[in-house]
Amino acid sequence: MIQECLIHENRHLKGRFYILTLKDSQIAEKAQPGQFLHIQVQSSIQPLLRRPFSIYRLRDSFVDILYEVIGEGTHILSLRSKGEYINCHGPLGNCFSDDLSGKHPVLVGGGIGIAPLLFFGERLLEKSHTMELILGYRSEDDVIGLEDFNQSGMNVEVTTNDGSYGYKGFVTDLLKDQLHKDHKVFACGPIPMLKAVSDLCSQHEVPCDVSIHNFMGCGFGVCLGCVFPSHKGYQRVCKDGPVFNASHLIF
């Protein structure tokens, strides 16, 4: 589904981080946790390609996108204003499964990879699941989203690489002390973090699903610009993912 969506708000959080709020009942009705929108940041052909963004939260007909300004596309997006319309394709991709088969969910996010976990965590809470949540950041300057997670009723543990906020270390430092065979881990973040989480889960025989972020051209599986290696060959992140069973991937 490609359509023009109304920008309800484009709010600066801190530093490089923003929340774009779109008002669109069709996307809000269809979206599932883990899916993404492929957004044309402006109507001109420069930049040519759309940018993929995980859906951070749904609130009635409002769709929140948490994003970080890291290049030309996201810089242009940060300048868009309330009342403007922006072209969106989606929701796209597969989603996190809330069929836990008796497993206890542990959600692990790193940096801007926390984005799909709020939506998923709130969906789990709606279904009366309790969960553990570990979020990792480089430093206190990069800590975002905590207020949203806490207000939703989730118990959050935080790590920073330099120890400037929360536990000093990596998400795996906390995760390794908590893992049990009755857990299932859901993770999103940088590829090195996902590899470390996947390896740790494999050692403890704990199932793990990961959400992969990758550069995309088309967003619907044709251009093959976002492929990721797996034991079954290259998988298209936009079409076969972005959520994968971690044991199927080759990091």
C-alpha atoms as a PDB file:
ATOM      1  CA  MET A   1       0.000   0.000   0.000  1.00  0.00           C
ATOM      2  CA  ILE A   2       1.517   3.319  -1.132  1.00  0.00           C
ATOM      3  CA  GLN A   3      -0.174   6.504  -0.001  1.00  0.00           C
ATOM      4  CA  GLU A   4       0.272  10.052   1.192  1.00  0.00           C
ATOM      5  CA  CYS A   5       0.247  10.189   4.997  1.00  0.00           C
ATOM      6  CA  LEU A   6      -0.397  13.274   7.098  1.00  0.00           C
ATOM      7  CA  ILE A   7       2.442  14.356   9.384  1.00  0.00           C
ATOM      8  CA  HIS A   8       0.817  14.964  12.752  1.00  0.00           C
ATOM      9  CA  GLU A   9       4.104  15.755  14.516  1.00  0.00           C
ATOM     10  CA  ASN A  10       7.845  15.556  13.929  1.00  0.00           C
ATOM     11  CA  ARG A  11       9.248  15.892  17.420  1.00  0.00           C
ATOM     12  CA  HIS A  12      12.905  16.315  18.329  1.00  0.00           C
ATOM     13  CA  LEU A  13      13.801  14.150  21.332  1.00  0.00           C
ATOM     14  CA  LYS A  14      17.485  14.857  21.930  1.00  0.00           C
ATOM     15  CA  GLY A  15      20.692  14.956  19.948  1.00  0.00           C
ATOM     16  CA  ARG A  16      20.175  13.101  16.673  1.00  0.00           C
ATOM     17  CA  PHE A  17      16.859  11.466  17.634  1.00  0.00           C
ATOM     18  CA  TYR A  18      13.296  12.274  16.542  1.00  0.00           C
ATOM     19  CA  ILE A  19       9.804  10.785  16.563  1.00  0.00           C
ATOM     20  CA  LEU A  20       7.747  11.211  13.408  1.00  0.00           C
ATOM     21  CA  THR A  21       4.020  10.775  14.053  1.00  0.00           C
ATOM     22  CA  LEU A  22       1.782  10.006  11.077  1.00  0.00           C
ATOM     23  CA  LYS A  23      -1.978  10.055  11.150  1.00  0.00           C
ATOM     24  CA  ASP A  24      -3.184   7.185   8.987  1.00  0.00           C
ATOM     25  CA  SER A  25      -5.938   4.803  10.031  1.00  0.00           C
ATOM     26  CA  GLN A  26      -5.212   2.280   7.252  1.00  0.00           C
ATOM     27  CA  ILE A  27      -1.599   1.727   8.278  1.00  0.00           C
ATOM     28  CA  ALA A  28      -2.550   1.697  11.957  1.00  0.00           C
ATOM     29  CA  GLU A  29      -5.177  -0.958  11.300  1.00  0.00           C
ATOM     30  CA  LYS A  30      -2.874  -3.257   9.334  1.00  0.00           C
ATOM     31  CA  ALA A  31       0.530  -2.849  11.026  1.00  0.00           C
ATOM     32  CA  GLN A  32       2.034  -5.637  13.122  1.00  0.00           C
ATOM     33  CA  PRO A  33       5.039  -5.430  15.501  1.00  0.00           C
ATOM     34  CA  GLY A  34       8.302  -5.759  13.606  1.00  0.00           C
ATOM     35  CA  GLN A  35       6.988  -4.400  10.316  1.00  0.00           C
ATOM     36  CA  PHE A  36       8.313  -1.226   8.724  1.00  0.00           C
ATOM     37  CA  LEU A  37       7.378   1.684   6.487  1.00  0.00           C
ATOM     38  CA  HIS A  38       9.382   2.606   3.395  1.00  0.00           C
ATOM     39  CA  ILE A  39       9.258   6.394   3.320  1.00  0.00           C
ATOM     40  CA  GLN A  40       9.997   8.860   0.525  1.00  0.00           C
ATOM     41  CA  VAL A  41      11.525  11.647   2.587  1.00  0.00           C
ATOM     42  CA  GLN A  42      10.609  14.341   0.056  1.00  0.00           C
ATOM     43  CA  SER A  43       8.764  14.532  -3.263  1.00  0.00           C
ATOM     44  CA  SER A  44      11.796  15.316  -5.433  1.00  0.00           C
ATOM     45  CA  ILE A  45      13.976  12.590  -6.958  1.00  0.00           C
ATOM     46  CA  GLN A  46      16.862  13.512  -4.669  1.00  0.00           C
ATOM     47  CA  PRO A  47      17.427  11.414  -2.670  1.00  0.00           C
ATOM     48  CA  LEU A  48      16.141   8.796  -5.092  1.00  0.00           C
ATOM     49  CA  LEU A  49      15.575   5.876  -2.744  1.00  0.00           C
ATOM     50  CA  ARG A  50      13.082   5.545   0.076  1.00  0.00           C
ATOM     51  CA  ARG A  51      14.249   4.953   3.639  1.00  0.00           C
ATOM     52  CA  PRO A  52      12.981   2.050   5.797  1.00  0.00           C
ATOM     53  CA  PHE A  53      11.816   2.745   9.365  1.00  0.00           C
ATOM     54  CA  SER A  54      10.492   0.310  11.964  1.00  0.00           C
ATOM     55  CA  ILE A  55       7.100   1.108  13.440  1.00  0.00           C
ATOM     56  CA  TYR A  56       7.732   2.286  16.995  1.00  0.00           C
ATOM     57  CA  ARG A  57       4.204   2.547  18.348  1.00  0.00           C
ATOM     58  CA  LEU A  58       0.526   2.640  17.393  1.00  0.00           C
ATOM     59  CA  ARG A  59      -1.960   4.914  19.144  1.00  0.00           C
ATOM     60  CA  ASP A  60      -5.427   4.682  17.603  1.00  0.00           C
ATOM     61  CA  SER A  61      -4.939   6.082  14.081  1.00  0.00           C
ATOM     62  CA  PHE A  62      -1.469   7.489  14.876  1.00  0.00           C
ATOM     63  CA  VAL A  63       1.737   5.721  13.809  1.00  0.00           C
ATOM     64  CA  ASP A  64       5.021   6.651  15.505  1.00  0.00           C
ATOM     65  CA  ILE A  65       8.412   6.256  13.837  1.00  0.00           C
ATOM     66  CA  LEU A  66      11.545   6.602  15.990  1.00  0.00           C
ATOM     67  CA  TYR A  67      14.530   7.630  13.880  1.00  0.00           C
ATOM     68  CA  GLU A  68      18.089   8.882  14.099  1.00  0.00           C
ATOM     69  CA  VAL A  69      19.564  11.524  11.804  1.00  0.00           C
ATOM     70  CA  ILE A  70      22.597   9.856  10.277  1.00  0.00           C
ATOM     71  CA  GLY A  71      22.640  10.968   6.634  1.00  0.00           C
ATOM     72  CA  GLU A  72      21.018  13.066   3.938  1.00  0.00           C
ATOM     73  CA  GLY A  73      17.695  11.216   3.943  1.00  0.00           C
ATOM     74  CA  THR A  74      17.082  11.354   7.670  1.00  0.00           C
ATOM     75  CA  HIS A  75      18.280  14.973   7.785  1.00  0.00           C
ATOM     76  CA  ILE A  76      15.649  15.896   5.195  1.00  0.00           C
ATOM     77  CA  LEU A  77      13.067  13.930   7.152  1.00  0.00           C
ATOM     78  CA  SER A  78      13.909  15.881  10.318  1.00  0.00           C
ATOM     79  CA  LEU A  79      12.968  19.116   8.497  1.00  0.00           C
ATOM     80  CA  ARG A  80       9.484  17.955   7.526  1.00  0.00           C
ATOM     81  CA  SER A  81       6.660  19.760   9.340  1.00  0.00           C
ATOM     82  CA  LYS A  82       3.287  19.108  10.897  1.00  0.00           C
ATOM     83  CA  GLY A  83       0.479  19.339   8.353  1.00  0.00           C
ATOM     84  CA  GLU A  84       2.588  18.191   5.404  1.00  0.00           C
ATOM     85  CA  TYR A  85       1.978  14.920   3.597  1.00  0.00           C
ATOM     86  CA  ILE A  86       4.675  12.310   3.110  1.00  0.00           C
ATOM     87  CA  ASN A  87       4.626   9.305   0.788  1.00  0.00           C
ATOM     88  CA  CYS A  88       4.750   5.961   2.625  1.00  0.00           C
ATOM     89  CA  HIS A  89       4.828   2.380   1.397  1.00  0.00           C
ATOM     90  CA  GLY A  90       3.709  -0.208   3.909  1.00  0.00           C
ATOM     91  CA  PRO A  91       3.404  -1.747   6.330  1.00  0.00           C
ATOM     92  CA  LEU A  92       5.985  -4.109   4.836  1.00  0.00           C
ATOM     93  CA  GLY A  93       7.821  -7.272   5.877  1.00  0.00           C
ATOM     94  CA  ASN A  94       6.963  -9.952   8.384  1.00  0.00           C
ATOM     95  CA  CYS A  95       6.495  -9.465  12.120  1.00  0.00           C
ATOM     96  CA  PHE A  96       7.451 -10.725  15.552  1.00  0.00           C
ATOM     97  CA  SER A  97       5.296 -13.679  16.546  1.00  0.00           C
ATOM     98  CA  ASP A  98       3.388 -13.407  19.810  1.00  0.00           C
ATOM     99  CA  ASP A  99       2.740 -17.166  19.731  1.00  0.00           C
ATOM    100  CA  LEU A 100       5.303 -17.987  22.390  1.00  0.00           C
ATOM    101  CA  SER A 101       4.438 -21.682  22.805  1.00  0.00           C
ATOM    102  CA  GLY A 102       4.868 -21.427  26.556  1.00  0.00           C
ATOM    103  CA  LYS A 103       8.158 -19.525  26.395  1.00  0.00           C
ATOM    104  CA  HIS A 104       8.893 -16.410  28.463  1.00  0.00           C
ATOM    105  CA  PRO A 105       9.826 -13.457  26.204  1.00  0.00           C
ATOM    106  CA  VAL A 106      13.065 -11.517  26.638  1.00  0.00           C
ATOM    107  CA  LEU A 107      13.352  -8.406  24.465  1.00  0.00           C
ATOM    108  CA  VAL A 108      16.832  -7.069  23.673  1.00  0.00           C
ATOM    109  CA  GLY A 109      17.496  -3.813  21.838  1.00  0.00           C
ATOM    110  CA  GLY A 110      20.578  -1.869  20.872  1.00  0.00           C
ATOM    111  CA  GLY A 111      20.647   1.809  19.914  1.00  0.00           C
ATOM    112  CA  ILE A 112      18.002   2.798  17.372  1.00  0.00           C
ATOM    113  CA  GLY A 113      17.228  -0.944  17.197  1.00  0.00           C
ATOM    114  CA  ILE A 114      14.956  -0.450  20.199  1.00  0.00           C
ATOM    115  CA  ALA A 115      12.369   0.949  17.764  1.00  0.00           C
ATOM    116  CA  PRO A 116      10.258  -2.161  17.000  1.00  0.00           C
ATOM    117  CA  LEU A 117      10.409  -3.449  20.573  1.00  0.00           C
ATOM    118  CA  LEU A 118       8.018  -0.902  22.097  1.00  0.00           C
ATOM    119  CA  PHE A 119       5.256  -1.872  19.656  1.00  0.00           C
ATOM    120  CA  PHE A 120       5.950  -5.567  20.253  1.00  0.00           C
ATOM    121  CA  GLY A 121       6.195  -5.188  24.020  1.00  0.00           C
ATOM    122  CA  GLU A 122       2.869  -3.356  24.176  1.00  0.00           C
ATOM    123  CA  ARG A 123       1.268  -6.088  22.079  1.00  0.00           C
ATOM    124  CA  LEU A 124       2.582  -8.732  24.486  1.00  0.00           C
ATOM    125  CA  LEU A 125       1.206  -6.781  27.432  1.00  0.00           C
ATOM    126  CA  GLU A 126      -2.199  -6.645  25.737  1.00  0.00           C
ATOM    127  CA  LYS A 127      -2.096 -10.450  25.714  1.00  0.00           C
ATOM    128  CA  SER A 128      -1.134 -10.564  29.399  1.00  0.00           C
ATOM    129  CA  HIS A 129       2.451 -11.681  28.822  1.00  0.00           C
ATOM    130  CA  THR A 130       5.162 -10.541  31.196  1.00  0.00           C
ATOM    131  CA  MET A 131       8.643 -10.040  29.792  1.00  0.00           C
ATOM    132  CA  GLU A 132      12.214  -9.018  30.462  1.00  0.00           C
ATOM    133  CA  LEU A 133      13.613  -6.058  28.544  1.00  0.00           C
ATOM    134  CA  ILE A 134      17.289  -5.138  28.092  1.00  0.00           C
ATOM    135  CA  LEU A 135      18.254  -2.015  26.155  1.00  0.00           C
ATOM    136  CA  GLY A 136      21.825  -1.103  25.279  1.00  0.00           C
ATOM    137  CA  TYR A 137      23.314   2.232  24.235  1.00  0.00           C
ATOM    138  CA  ARG A 138      26.756   3.670  23.579  1.00  0.00           C
ATOM    139  CA  SER A 139      26.456   6.319  26.308  1.00  0.00           C
ATOM    140  CA  GLU A 140      23.943   8.381  28.266  1.00  0.00           C
ATOM    141  CA  ASP A 141      23.751  10.806  25.323  1.00  0.00           C
ATOM    142  CA  ASP A 142      22.169   8.038  23.241  1.00  0.00           C
ATOM    143  CA  VAL A 143      19.639   6.820  25.818  1.00  0.00           C
ATOM    144  CA  ILE A 144      16.172   7.265  24.321  1.00  0.00           C
ATOM    145  CA  GLY A 145      12.760   5.676  24.705  1.00  0.00           C
ATOM    146  CA  LEU A 146      12.967   4.749  28.381  1.00  0.00           C
ATOM    147  CA  GLU A 147      10.034   6.924  29.381  1.00  0.00           C
ATOM    148  CA  ASP A 148       7.841   5.277  26.738  1.00  0.00           C
ATOM    149  CA  PHE A 149       8.783   1.757  27.823  1.00  0.00           C
ATOM    150  CA  ASN A 150       8.352   2.545  31.511  1.00  0.00           C
ATOM    151  CA  GLN A 151       5.002   4.249  31.002  1.00  0.00           C
ATOM    152  CA  SER A 152       3.801   1.129  29.202  1.00  0.00           C
ATOM    153  CA  GLY A 153       4.564  -0.910  32.300  1.00  0.00           C
ATOM    154  CA  MET A 154       7.664  -2.735  31.100  1.00  0.00           C
ATOM    155  CA  ASN A 155      10.554  -3.485  33.429  1.00  0.00           C
ATOM    156  CA  VAL A 156      13.661  -2.163  31.660  1.00  0.00           C
ATOM    157  CA  GLU A 157      17.337  -2.821  32.335  1.00  0.00           C
ATOM    158  CA  VAL A 158      19.794  -0.471  30.637  1.00  0.00           C
ATOM    159  CA  THR A 159      23.421  -0.879  29.652  1.00  0.00           C
ATOM    160  CA  THR A 160      25.841   1.666  28.238  1.00  0.00           C
ATOM    161  CA  ASN A 161      29.234   0.882  26.780  1.00  0.00           C
ATOM    162  CA  ASP A 162      30.946   3.518  28.914  1.00  0.00           C
ATOM    163  CA  GLY A 163      28.878   3.103  32.074  1.00  0.00           C
ATOM    164  CA  SER A 164      27.535   6.665  31.952  1.00  0.00           C
ATOM    165  CA  TYR A 165      23.996   5.324  32.494  1.00  0.00           C
ATOM    166  CA  GLY A 166      22.836   2.042  33.946  1.00  0.00           C
ATOM    167  CA  TYR A 167      25.051  -1.034  33.827  1.00  0.00           C
ATOM    168  CA  LYS A 168      28.503  -0.647  32.285  1.00  0.00           C
ATOM    169  CA  GLY A 169      28.888  -3.157  29.489  1.00  0.00           C
ATOM    170  CA  PHE A 170      26.900  -4.791  26.722  1.00  0.00           C
ATOM    171  CA  VAL A 171      23.407  -6.258  26.571  1.00  0.00           C
ATOM    172  CA  THR A 172      24.911  -9.742  26.499  1.00  0.00           C
ATOM    173  CA  ASP A 173      26.549  -9.116  29.880  1.00  0.00           C
ATOM    174  CA  LEU A 174      23.092  -8.907  31.446  1.00  0.00           C
ATOM    175  CA  LEU A 175      21.461 -11.433  29.157  1.00  0.00           C
ATOM    176  CA  LYS A 176      23.900 -14.246  29.931  1.00  0.00           C
ATOM    177  CA  ASP A 177      22.958 -14.165  33.617  1.00  0.00           C
ATOM    178  CA  GLN A 178      19.239 -14.389  32.880  1.00  0.00           C
ATOM    179  CA  LEU A 179      18.879 -16.962  30.125  1.00  0.00           C
ATOM    180  CA  HIS A 180      16.911 -20.137  30.813  1.00  0.00           C
ATOM    181  CA  LYS A 181      15.593 -22.779  28.466  1.00  0.00           C
ATOM    182  CA  ASP A 182      12.050 -21.556  29.036  1.00  0.00           C
ATOM    183  CA  HIS A 183      12.972 -18.177  27.468  1.00  0.00           C
ATOM    184  CA  LYS A 184      12.608 -16.915  23.928  1.00  0.00           C
ATOM    185  CA  VAL A 185      14.688 -13.909  22.906  1.00  0.00           C
ATOM    186  CA  PHE A 186      13.611 -11.210  20.462  1.00  0.00           C
ATOM    187  CA  ALA A 187      16.400  -8.820  19.457  1.00  0.00           C
ATOM    188  CA  CYS A 188      16.976  -5.821  17.229  1.00  0.00           C
ATOM    189  CA  GLY A 189      20.099  -3.712  16.920  1.00  0.00           C
ATOM    190  CA  PRO A 190      23.489  -3.518  15.186  1.00  0.00           C
ATOM    191  CA  ILE A 191      24.670  -6.682  13.448  1.00  0.00           C
ATOM    192  CA  PRO A 192      27.593  -7.303  15.889  1.00  0.00           C
ATOM    193  CA  MET A 193      25.108  -7.148  18.783  1.00  0.00           C
ATOM    194  CA  LEU A 194      22.713  -9.514  17.029  1.00  0.00           C
ATOM    195  CA  LYS A 195      25.535 -11.964  16.374  1.00  0.00           C
ATOM    196  CA  ALA A 196      26.578 -11.875  20.031  1.00  0.00           C
ATOM    197  CA  VAL A 197      22.982 -12.374  21.208  1.00  0.00           C
ATOM    198  CA  SER A 198      22.449 -15.182  18.690  1.00  0.00           C
ATOM    199  CA  ASP A 199      25.645 -16.963  19.748  1.00  0.00           C
ATOM    200  CA  LEU A 200      24.713 -16.677  23.419  1.00  0.00           C
ATOM    201  CA  CYS A 201      21.223 -18.048  22.810  1.00  0.00           C
ATOM    202  CA  SER A 202      22.654 -20.922  20.784  1.00  0.00           C
ATOM    203  CA  GLN A 203      25.012 -21.818  23.643  1.00  0.00           C
ATOM    204  CA  HIS A 204      22.088 -21.910  26.076  1.00  0.00           C
ATOM    205  CA  GLU A 205      19.708 -23.645  23.621  1.00  0.00           C
ATOM    206  CA  VAL A 206      17.320 -20.695  23.763  1.00  0.00           C
ATOM    207  CA  PRO A 207      15.282 -19.806  20.643  1.00  0.00           C
ATOM    208  CA  CYS A 208      16.017 -16.353  19.273  1.00  0.00           C
ATOM    209  CA  ASP A 209      14.367 -14.170  16.652  1.00  0.00           C
ATOM    210  CA  VAL A 210      16.219 -11.130  15.327  1.00  0.00           C
ATOM    211  CA  SER A 211      15.106  -8.118  13.337  1.00  0.00           C
ATOM    212  CA  ILE A 212      17.670  -7.141  10.712  1.00  0.00           C
ATOM    213  CA  HIS A 213      18.102  -3.567   9.492  1.00  0.00           C
ATOM    214  CA  ASN A 214      19.678  -3.240   6.057  1.00  0.00           C
ATOM    215  CA  PHE A 215      19.875  -0.814   3.161  1.00  0.00           C
ATOM    216  CA  MET A 216      16.907  -1.242   0.813  1.00  0.00           C
ATOM    217  CA  GLY A 217      16.117  -0.195  -2.730  1.00  0.00           C
ATOM    218  CA  CYS A 218      12.609  -1.297  -3.562  1.00  0.00           C
ATOM    219  CA  GLY A 219      11.297  -2.617  -0.226  1.00  0.00           C
ATOM    220  CA  PHE A 220       9.305  -5.497  -1.724  1.00  0.00           C
ATOM    221  CA  GLY A 221      11.864  -8.109  -2.743  1.00  0.00           C
ATOM    222  CA  VAL A 222      12.715  -7.291  -6.355  1.00  0.00           C
ATOM    223  CA  CYS A 223      16.011  -5.372  -6.351  1.00  0.00           C
ATOM    224  CA  LEU A 224      17.895  -7.758  -4.012  1.00  0.00           C
ATOM    225  CA  GLY A 225      19.726  -4.810  -2.484  1.00  0.00           C
ATOM    226  CA  CYS A 226      19.054  -5.836   1.115  1.00  0.00           C
ATOM    227  CA  VAL A 227      19.950  -9.532   1.091  1.00  0.00           C
ATOM    228  CA  PHE A 228      21.499 -11.216   4.134  1.00  0.00           C
ATOM    229  CA  PRO A 229      23.323 -14.591   4.135  1.00  0.00           C
ATOM    230  CA  SER A 230      21.573 -17.608   5.627  1.00  0.00           C
ATOM    231  CA  HIS A 231      22.011 -21.379   5.622  1.00  0.00           C
ATOM    232  CA  LYS A 232      19.355 -21.477   2.889  1.00  0.00           C
ATOM    233  CA  GLY A 233      21.089 -18.898   0.698  1.00  0.00           C
ATOM    234  CA  TYR A 234      20.616 -15.158   0.656  1.00  0.00           C
ATOM    235  CA  GLN A 235      17.409 -13.896   2.266  1.00  0.00           C
ATOM    236  CA  ARG A 236      15.688 -10.633   1.354  1.00  0.00           C
ATOM    237  CA  VAL A 237      15.403  -8.526   4.505  1.00  0.00           C
ATOM    238  CA  CYS A 238      12.459  -6.545   3.120  1.00  0.00           C
ATOM    239  CA  LYS A 239      10.423  -9.565   1.973  1.00  0.00           C
ATOM    240  CA  ASP A 240      11.652 -12.653   3.859  1.00  0.00           C
ATOM    241  CA  GLY A 241      12.266 -10.540   6.973  1.00  0.00           C
ATOM    242  CA  PRO A 242      13.047  -8.268   8.631  1.00  0.00           C
ATOM    243  CA  VAL A 243      12.398 -10.808  11.419  1.00  0.00           C
ATOM    244  CA  PHE A 244      14.349 -14.074  11.153  1.00  0.00           C
ATOM    245  CA  ASN A 245      15.062 -17.110  13.269  1.00  0.00           C
ATOM    246  CA  ALA A 246      18.638 -16.272  14.307  1.00  0.00           C
ATOM    247  CA  SER A 247      19.809 -19.878  13.902  1.00  0.00           C
ATOM    248  CA  HIS A 248      19.028 -19.679  10.170  1.00  0.00           C
ATOM    249  CA  LEU A 249      21.333 -16.722   9.548  1.00  0.00           C
ATOM    250  CA  ILE A 250      25.067 -16.541   8.897  1.00  0.00           C
ATOM    251  CA  PHE A 251      26.494 -13.548  10.762  1.00  0.00           C
END
